[in-house]
Each structure stands twice: as structure tokens, then as C-alpha cells.
Amino acid sequence: MIYIDTSVLGAIFFREPGAAELVTRLESQHKSRLMISAWTLTEMASIGGIKQRTGAIDAETRQQALANFQRFASTQLGTVEIEPADFRTAAVLMESPSPLRPGDALHLAVARRLGAGFASIDRRLCAATDALGLARFDLVREKRG
């Protein structure tokens, strides 16, 4: 099982550099269950809104990217709900030596509960995953983390 962080999905659906390589690596895992949490849905909407407000994309591009993501999530990804214990675990994880944002700690808490490998392209989050001794699935070979 692989838990996919929003950094990966944002890069893919908003067509950031390296998106094709990410898709290839995920497709190579066709036997693994790919998972996200309900929190990912909120974060993807946030990414789209930020990109539109900053002028990186227009409203139509934002709507299309989010619609494509929603279709992909509903057909290719398992979505797990956040449980109350995940918030408590995230609070503990935030006390680790590696600085974590609350949302990142929540993703790690869910992946930990699921016993899933964690897939991210966020260098800080990958470092925190390693420091906490959590399983990690490397998406990008040697380049990012």
C-alpha cells in the first residue's frame, strides 16, 4: 500500500515539471493499493485556488485540473477518512526533531496508521519521514528526496 501526498498529485494534475515521471512511477505500482485521505481533497482545492489567485492558471484550468483529479481519485485511489486518533498522532509527530506543518503531520499519521509507504516529492516531508522511521516510497530517482 502506498499513501500519496498532495505534493505528488498537485504536480501531476497542475502539470508541473516532472509530472510525466511521477505518473510513470505510479503506474509501475499497479499491484500496490494507492491511497489518499479526505484531507487530500481539501489540499488539492487549496492548491488550485492558490494557483488561480497568483495568476499561475486561469479559472478554467483550475476547474479542469480539479475535475480530472476527482475522476482519478474516485476510480484509481482509495480514500480513507481522518480518524480522531490521527490528529493526536499528528500532534506527537510534530514534536519530532524534523519540523512539520500540521497538514503534513496529519498525512504522516494516516500513512502510519495504514502501514503504508509514504510517497511525496516534498524534500522536508521526505526527510521527516526518514527521521521518524516511517516507510517511504521513492517516486523520483535521486533528484528530490
N, C-alpha and C. Protein backbone atom coordinates (compact mmCIF):
# COMPACT_ATOMS: atom_id res chain seq x y z
N MET A 1 0.85 -1.18 0.00
CA MET A 1 0.00 0.00 0.00
C MET A 1 0.89 1.24 0.00
N ILE A 2 0.51 2.21 -0.81
CA ILE A 2 1.27 3.46 -0.90
C ILE A 2 0.31 4.63 -0.64
N TYR A 3 0.67 5.46 0.30
CA TYR A 3 -0.10 6.67 0.61
C TYR A 3 0.54 7.82 -0.18
N ILE A 4 -0.25 8.49 -1.01
CA ILE A 4 0.26 9.54 -1.87
C ILE A 4 -0.01 10.91 -1.26
N ASP A 5 1.06 11.67 -1.06
CA ASP A 5 0.97 13.02 -0.52
C ASP A 5 0.45 13.98 -1.59
N THR A 6 -0.17 15.05 -1.16
CA THR A 6 -0.75 16.03 -2.08
C THR A 6 0.30 16.67 -2.99
N SER A 7 1.55 16.75 -2.55
CA SER A 7 2.59 17.34 -3.41
C SER A 7 2.69 16.58 -4.73
N VAL A 8 2.52 15.28 -4.69
CA VAL A 8 2.59 14.45 -5.88
C VAL A 8 1.39 14.72 -6.79
N LEU A 9 0.22 14.69 -6.23
CA LEU A 9 -0.99 14.88 -7.02
C LEU A 9 -1.09 16.29 -7.58
N GLY A 10 -0.68 17.28 -6.78
CA GLY A 10 -0.67 18.65 -7.26
C GLY A 10 0.25 18.81 -8.47
N ALA A 11 1.43 18.19 -8.39
CA ALA A 11 2.37 18.27 -9.51
C ALA A 11 1.80 17.62 -10.76
N ILE A 12 1.14 16.49 -10.58
CA ILE A 12 0.59 15.78 -11.73
C ILE A 12 -0.58 16.54 -12.36
N PHE A 13 -1.56 16.90 -11.56
CA PHE A 13 -2.78 17.47 -12.13
C PHE A 13 -2.68 18.94 -12.50
N PHE A 14 -1.69 19.64 -11.97
CA PHE A 14 -1.47 21.02 -12.38
C PHE A 14 -0.25 21.11 -13.29
N ARG A 15 0.16 19.95 -13.80
CA ARG A 15 1.18 19.80 -14.84
C ARG A 15 2.48 20.55 -14.55
N GLU A 16 3.03 20.28 -13.40
CA GLU A 16 4.32 20.87 -13.04
C GLU A 16 5.44 20.06 -13.68
N PRO A 17 6.65 20.63 -13.75
CA PRO A 17 7.78 19.88 -14.33
C PRO A 17 7.97 18.56 -13.58
N GLY A 18 8.25 17.52 -14.33
CA GLY A 18 8.45 16.20 -13.74
C GLY A 18 7.19 15.39 -13.57
N ALA A 19 6.05 15.94 -13.96
CA ALA A 19 4.77 15.24 -13.77
C ALA A 19 4.73 13.91 -14.52
N ALA A 20 5.27 13.87 -15.72
CA ALA A 20 5.24 12.64 -16.51
C ALA A 20 6.01 11.52 -15.81
N GLU A 21 7.15 11.84 -15.21
CA GLU A 21 7.93 10.84 -14.48
C GLU A 21 7.15 10.32 -13.27
N LEU A 22 6.45 11.22 -12.59
CA LEU A 22 5.64 10.79 -11.44
C LEU A 22 4.55 9.83 -11.87
N VAL A 23 3.89 10.12 -12.96
CA VAL A 23 2.83 9.25 -13.47
C VAL A 23 3.41 7.88 -13.82
N THR A 24 4.56 7.87 -14.47
CA THR A 24 5.21 6.61 -14.84
C THR A 24 5.53 5.77 -13.62
N ARG A 25 6.07 6.40 -12.58
CA ARG A 25 6.41 5.67 -11.36
C ARG A 25 5.15 5.13 -10.67
N LEU A 26 4.09 5.92 -10.63
CA LEU A 26 2.85 5.44 -10.01
C LEU A 26 2.25 4.30 -10.82
N GLU A 27 2.28 4.42 -12.14
CA GLU A 27 1.74 3.36 -12.99
C GLU A 27 2.51 2.06 -12.81
N SER A 28 3.79 2.16 -12.47
CA SER A 28 4.61 0.96 -12.26
C SER A 28 4.19 0.21 -11.00
N GLN A 29 3.39 0.84 -10.18
CA GLN A 29 2.93 0.24 -8.92
C GLN A 29 1.51 -0.30 -9.03
N HIS A 30 1.15 -0.80 -10.20
CA HIS A 30 -0.22 -1.24 -10.43
C HIS A 30 -0.69 -2.33 -9.47
N LYS A 31 0.22 -3.04 -8.83
CA LYS A 31 -0.19 -4.08 -7.87
C LYS A 31 -0.34 -3.53 -6.46
N SER A 32 0.13 -2.33 -6.23
CA SER A 32 0.01 -1.72 -4.90
C SER A 32 -1.26 -0.89 -4.83
N ARG A 33 -1.89 -0.90 -3.69
CA ARG A 33 -3.08 -0.07 -3.46
C ARG A 33 -2.60 1.35 -3.23
N LEU A 34 -3.08 2.30 -4.01
CA LEU A 34 -2.72 3.71 -3.87
C LEU A 34 -3.79 4.39 -3.03
N MET A 35 -3.36 5.09 -1.99
CA MET A 35 -4.29 5.66 -1.03
C MET A 35 -4.06 7.17 -0.85
N ILE A 36 -5.14 7.85 -0.51
CA ILE A 36 -5.10 9.23 -0.07
C ILE A 36 -6.06 9.34 1.12
N SER A 37 -6.02 10.49 1.79
CA SER A 37 -7.01 10.73 2.84
C SER A 37 -7.97 11.81 2.36
N ALA A 38 -9.05 11.95 3.08
CA ALA A 38 -10.02 13.00 2.76
C ALA A 38 -9.37 14.38 2.83
N TRP A 39 -8.34 14.53 3.64
CA TRP A 39 -7.62 15.80 3.75
C TRP A 39 -7.00 16.19 2.41
N THR A 40 -6.61 15.21 1.62
CA THR A 40 -6.01 15.47 0.30
C THR A 40 -6.99 16.22 -0.60
N LEU A 41 -8.26 15.89 -0.50
CA LEU A 41 -9.27 16.57 -1.32
C LEU A 41 -9.29 18.07 -1.02
N THR A 42 -9.18 18.41 0.25
CA THR A 42 -9.15 19.82 0.67
C THR A 42 -7.88 20.49 0.17
N GLU A 43 -6.75 19.81 0.32
CA GLU A 43 -5.49 20.40 -0.10
C GLU A 43 -5.43 20.61 -1.61
N MET A 44 -5.99 19.70 -2.38
CA MET A 44 -5.99 19.88 -3.84
C MET A 44 -6.82 21.11 -4.22
N ALA A 45 -7.95 21.30 -3.58
CA ALA A 45 -8.76 22.50 -3.84
C ALA A 45 -7.97 23.75 -3.48
N SER A 46 -7.21 23.69 -2.40
CA SER A 46 -6.39 24.82 -1.97
C SER A 46 -5.30 25.13 -2.99
N ILE A 47 -4.63 24.10 -3.49
CA ILE A 47 -3.59 24.31 -4.50
C ILE A 47 -4.17 25.02 -5.72
N GLY A 48 -5.32 24.53 -6.18
CA GLY A 48 -5.96 25.16 -7.34
C GLY A 48 -6.30 26.61 -7.09
N GLY A 49 -6.84 26.89 -5.91
CA GLY A 49 -7.19 28.27 -5.57
C GLY A 49 -5.97 29.17 -5.50
N ILE A 50 -4.91 28.70 -4.90
CA ILE A 50 -3.68 29.50 -4.81
C ILE A 50 -3.11 29.76 -6.20
N LYS A 51 -3.06 28.74 -7.02
CA LYS A 51 -2.52 28.91 -8.38
C LYS A 51 -3.36 29.91 -9.18
N GLN A 52 -4.66 29.87 -9.01
CA GLN A 52 -5.50 30.82 -9.74
C GLN A 52 -5.32 32.24 -9.20
N ARG A 53 -5.33 32.38 -7.87
CA ARG A 53 -5.17 33.73 -7.28
C ARG A 53 -3.83 34.37 -7.61
N THR A 54 -2.80 33.55 -7.76
CA THR A 54 -1.48 34.10 -8.07
C THR A 54 -1.25 34.28 -9.57
N GLY A 55 -2.23 33.90 -10.37
CA GLY A 55 -2.13 34.08 -11.81
C GLY A 55 -1.37 32.98 -12.54
N ALA A 56 -1.03 31.91 -11.84
CA ALA A 56 -0.31 30.81 -12.47
C ALA A 56 -1.21 30.05 -13.45
N ILE A 57 -2.52 30.02 -13.13
CA ILE A 57 -3.50 29.37 -14.00
C ILE A 57 -4.78 30.20 -13.99
N ASP A 58 -5.63 29.95 -14.98
CA ASP A 58 -6.92 30.65 -15.00
C ASP A 58 -8.00 29.74 -14.38
N ALA A 59 -9.19 30.28 -14.25
CA ALA A 59 -10.29 29.55 -13.60
C ALA A 59 -10.64 28.27 -14.34
N GLU A 60 -10.63 28.33 -15.66
CA GLU A 60 -10.98 27.14 -16.45
C GLU A 60 -9.95 26.02 -16.23
N THR A 61 -8.67 26.38 -16.22
CA THR A 61 -7.62 25.39 -15.99
C THR A 61 -7.74 24.79 -14.60
N ARG A 62 -8.02 25.62 -13.59
CA ARG A 62 -8.21 25.13 -12.23
C ARG A 62 -9.36 24.14 -12.18
N GLN A 63 -10.50 24.52 -12.75
CA GLN A 63 -11.68 23.65 -12.73
C GLN A 63 -11.41 22.32 -13.44
N GLN A 64 -10.73 22.38 -14.57
CA GLN A 64 -10.44 21.16 -15.33
C GLN A 64 -9.47 20.26 -14.56
N ALA A 65 -8.43 20.84 -13.97
CA ALA A 65 -7.46 20.05 -13.20
C ALA A 65 -8.13 19.37 -12.02
N LEU A 66 -8.98 20.10 -11.31
CA LEU A 66 -9.66 19.52 -10.16
C LEU A 66 -10.67 18.45 -10.58
N ALA A 67 -11.35 18.65 -11.70
CA ALA A 67 -12.28 17.64 -12.20
C ALA A 67 -11.52 16.37 -12.59
N ASN A 68 -10.36 16.53 -13.25
CA ASN A 68 -9.54 15.38 -13.62
C ASN A 68 -9.06 14.64 -12.37
N PHE A 69 -8.63 15.41 -11.36
CA PHE A 69 -8.19 14.79 -10.11
C PHE A 69 -9.33 14.03 -9.45
N GLN A 70 -10.51 14.64 -9.39
CA GLN A 70 -11.66 13.97 -8.75
C GLN A 70 -11.99 12.65 -9.45
N ARG A 71 -11.96 12.65 -10.77
CA ARG A 71 -12.23 11.41 -11.53
C ARG A 71 -11.17 10.35 -11.21
N PHE A 72 -9.91 10.78 -11.21
CA PHE A 72 -8.82 9.86 -10.91
C PHE A 72 -8.95 9.31 -9.49
N ALA A 73 -9.21 10.19 -8.55
CA ALA A 73 -9.33 9.77 -7.15
C ALA A 73 -10.47 8.77 -6.97
N SER A 74 -11.58 9.01 -7.64
CA SER A 74 -12.73 8.13 -7.44
C SER A 74 -12.57 6.78 -8.13
N THR A 75 -11.71 6.70 -9.13
CA THR A 75 -11.56 5.43 -9.86
C THR A 75 -10.25 4.69 -9.57
N GLN A 76 -9.20 5.42 -9.17
CA GLN A 76 -7.89 4.80 -9.04
C GLN A 76 -7.30 4.81 -7.63
N LEU A 77 -7.85 5.62 -6.76
CA LEU A 77 -7.29 5.76 -5.42
C LEU A 77 -8.29 5.33 -4.36
N GLY A 78 -7.77 4.76 -3.29
CA GLY A 78 -8.59 4.51 -2.13
C GLY A 78 -8.55 5.76 -1.27
N THR A 79 -9.69 6.19 -0.76
CA THR A 79 -9.74 7.37 0.10
C THR A 79 -10.14 6.94 1.49
N VAL A 80 -9.29 7.27 2.45
CA VAL A 80 -9.53 6.92 3.84
C VAL A 80 -9.91 8.19 4.62
N GLU A 81 -10.83 8.04 5.53
CA GLU A 81 -11.23 9.18 6.35
C GLU A 81 -10.20 9.44 7.45
N ILE A 82 -10.15 10.67 7.90
CA ILE A 82 -9.30 11.03 9.02
C ILE A 82 -10.02 10.59 10.30
N GLU A 83 -9.30 9.92 11.18
CA GLU A 83 -9.87 9.49 12.45
C GLU A 83 -9.37 10.39 13.57
N PRO A 84 -10.12 10.52 14.66
CA PRO A 84 -9.68 11.36 15.77
C PRO A 84 -8.26 11.03 16.25
N ALA A 85 -7.92 9.76 16.28
CA ALA A 85 -6.58 9.37 16.72
C ALA A 85 -5.49 9.90 15.80
N ASP A 86 -5.83 10.12 14.51
CA ASP A 86 -4.84 10.66 13.57
C ASP A 86 -4.40 12.07 13.98
N PHE A 87 -5.33 12.86 14.50
CA PHE A 87 -4.97 14.20 14.96
C PHE A 87 -4.02 14.14 16.15
N ARG A 88 -4.29 13.20 17.06
CA ARG A 88 -3.40 13.04 18.22
C ARG A 88 -2.02 12.56 17.79
N THR A 89 -1.98 11.61 16.86
CA THR A 89 -0.70 11.13 16.35
C THR A 89 0.05 12.25 15.64
N ALA A 90 -0.66 13.05 14.86
CA ALA A 90 -0.02 14.17 14.16
C ALA A 90 0.60 15.14 15.15
N ALA A 91 -0.09 15.40 16.25
CA ALA A 91 0.45 16.31 17.27
C ALA A 91 1.74 15.76 17.85
N VAL A 92 1.80 14.46 18.08
CA VAL A 92 3.02 13.84 18.58
C VAL A 92 4.13 13.92 17.53
N LEU A 93 3.79 13.64 16.27
CA LEU A 93 4.78 13.69 15.20
C LEU A 93 5.36 15.09 15.03
N MET A 94 4.56 16.11 15.31
CA MET A 94 5.05 17.49 15.18
C MET A 94 6.09 17.82 16.24
N GLU A 95 6.18 17.02 17.28
CA GLU A 95 7.19 17.25 18.32
C GLU A 95 8.54 16.64 17.96
N SER A 96 8.61 15.99 16.81
CA SER A 96 9.87 15.35 16.39
C SER A 96 10.89 16.42 16.02
N PRO A 97 12.16 16.03 15.92
CA PRO A 97 13.21 16.99 15.55
C PRO A 97 13.02 17.61 14.17
N SER A 98 12.36 16.89 13.28
CA SER A 98 12.11 17.42 11.93
C SER A 98 10.89 18.32 11.97
N PRO A 99 11.03 19.57 11.51
CA PRO A 99 9.87 20.47 11.55
C PRO A 99 8.79 20.03 10.56
N LEU A 100 7.57 19.91 11.06
CA LEU A 100 6.45 19.50 10.23
C LEU A 100 5.32 20.53 10.32
N ARG A 101 4.69 20.79 9.18
CA ARG A 101 3.47 21.58 9.18
C ARG A 101 2.35 20.66 9.63
N PRO A 102 1.29 21.22 10.20
CA PRO A 102 0.19 20.38 10.71
C PRO A 102 -0.40 19.44 9.66
N GLY A 103 -0.64 19.94 8.47
CA GLY A 103 -1.22 19.09 7.42
C GLY A 103 -0.30 17.95 7.03
N ASP A 104 1.00 18.24 7.00
CA ASP A 104 1.97 17.19 6.67
C ASP A 104 2.01 16.12 7.75
N ALA A 105 1.96 16.56 9.01
CA ALA A 105 1.95 15.61 10.11
C ALA A 105 0.69 14.74 10.06
N LEU A 106 -0.42 15.33 9.64
CA LEU A 106 -1.66 14.56 9.51
C LEU A 106 -1.54 13.50 8.42
N HIS A 107 -0.95 13.85 7.29
CA HIS A 107 -0.71 12.86 6.24
C HIS A 107 0.15 11.71 6.77
N LEU A 108 1.22 12.04 7.47
CA LEU A 108 2.10 11.01 8.01
C LEU A 108 1.38 10.13 9.02
N ALA A 109 0.53 10.74 9.83
CA ALA A 109 -0.22 9.97 10.82
C ALA A 109 -1.14 8.96 10.16
N VAL A 110 -1.79 9.37 9.09
CA VAL A 110 -2.69 8.45 8.37
C VAL A 110 -1.89 7.33 7.72
N ALA A 111 -0.79 7.69 7.06
CA ALA A 111 0.04 6.66 6.42
C ALA A 111 0.57 5.67 7.46
N ARG A 112 0.94 6.19 8.61
CA ARG A 112 1.43 5.33 9.69
C ARG A 112 0.33 4.36 10.15
N ARG A 113 -0.87 4.89 10.34
CA ARG A 113 -1.99 4.04 10.75
C ARG A 113 -2.26 2.94 9.73
N LEU A 114 -2.16 3.28 8.45
CA LEU A 114 -2.42 2.32 7.39
C LEU A 114 -1.27 1.33 7.19
N GLY A 115 -0.10 1.67 7.71
CA GLY A 115 1.08 0.86 7.46
C GLY A 115 1.54 0.97 6.02
N ALA A 116 1.30 2.12 5.42
CA ALA A 116 1.59 2.35 4.00
C ALA A 116 2.95 3.01 3.81
N GLY A 117 3.55 2.74 2.67
CA GLY A 117 4.72 3.51 2.27
C GLY A 117 4.26 4.92 1.93
N PHE A 118 5.08 5.91 2.22
CA PHE A 118 4.69 7.31 2.02
C PHE A 118 5.37 7.84 0.77
N ALA A 119 4.59 8.38 -0.17
CA ALA A 119 5.11 8.92 -1.42
C ALA A 119 4.92 10.43 -1.43
N SER A 120 6.03 11.15 -1.56
CA SER A 120 5.99 12.61 -1.59
C SER A 120 7.14 13.12 -2.43
N ILE A 121 7.01 14.34 -2.95
CA ILE A 121 8.14 14.99 -3.61
C ILE A 121 8.59 16.21 -2.81
N ASP A 122 8.01 16.39 -1.65
CA ASP A 122 8.38 17.48 -0.75
C ASP A 122 9.62 17.03 0.04
N ARG A 123 10.74 17.68 -0.18
CA ARG A 123 12.00 17.27 0.45
C ARG A 123 11.93 17.27 1.97
N ARG A 124 11.33 18.31 2.53
CA ARG A 124 11.22 18.38 4.00
C ARG A 124 10.38 17.21 4.54
N LEU A 125 9.32 16.92 3.86
CA LEU A 125 8.45 15.83 4.30
C LEU A 125 9.13 14.47 4.14
N CYS A 126 9.88 14.29 3.07
CA CYS A 126 10.64 13.05 2.90
C CYS A 126 11.68 12.91 4.01
N ALA A 127 12.36 14.00 4.34
CA ALA A 127 13.36 13.96 5.42
C ALA A 127 12.69 13.62 6.75
N ALA A 128 11.53 14.20 7.01
CA ALA A 128 10.82 13.91 8.25
C ALA A 128 10.38 12.45 8.28
N THR A 129 9.93 11.94 7.16
CA THR A 129 9.53 10.53 7.08
C THR A 129 10.70 9.63 7.46
N ASP A 130 11.86 9.94 6.91
CA ASP A 130 13.06 9.15 7.21
C ASP A 130 13.44 9.29 8.69
N ALA A 131 13.43 10.51 9.20
CA ALA A 131 13.81 10.76 10.59
C ALA A 131 12.88 10.05 11.57
N LEU A 132 11.62 9.92 11.20
CA LEU A 132 10.65 9.26 12.07
C LEU A 132 10.64 7.74 11.89
N GLY A 133 11.42 7.26 10.94
CA GLY A 133 11.48 5.82 10.71
C GLY A 133 10.26 5.25 10.03
N LEU A 134 9.55 6.09 9.29
CA LEU A 134 8.36 5.63 8.58
C LEU A 134 8.75 5.14 7.18
N ALA A 135 8.01 4.20 6.67
CA ALA A 135 8.29 3.66 5.34
C ALA A 135 8.06 4.74 4.29
N ARG A 136 8.93 4.77 3.28
CA ARG A 136 8.79 5.76 2.22
C ARG A 136 8.92 5.07 0.87
N PHE A 137 8.10 5.51 -0.07
CA PHE A 137 8.18 5.04 -1.44
C PHE A 137 8.76 6.17 -2.27
N ASP A 138 9.95 5.95 -2.83
CA ASP A 138 10.60 6.98 -3.63
C ASP A 138 9.98 7.08 -5.01
N LEU A 139 9.48 8.26 -5.31
CA LEU A 139 8.86 8.48 -6.62
C LEU A 139 9.84 8.99 -7.65
N VAL A 140 10.78 9.79 -7.23
CA VAL A 140 11.71 10.40 -8.17
C VAL A 140 13.09 9.88 -7.85
N ARG A 141 13.70 9.28 -8.80
CA ARG A 141 15.01 8.69 -8.59
C ARG A 141 16.08 9.76 -8.40
N GLU A 142 16.70 9.76 -7.23
CA GLU A 142 17.90 10.55 -6.92
C GLU A 142 17.74 12.06 -6.97
N LYS A 143 16.68 12.60 -7.51
CA LYS A 143 16.63 14.04 -7.73
C LYS A 143 16.09 14.83 -6.54
N ARG A 144 14.96 14.38 -5.96
CA ARG A 144 14.26 15.23 -5.00
C ARG A 144 14.18 14.68 -3.59
N GLY A 145 14.32 13.51 -3.35
CA GLY A 145 14.17 13.18 -1.96
C GLY A 145 13.90 11.83 -1.59
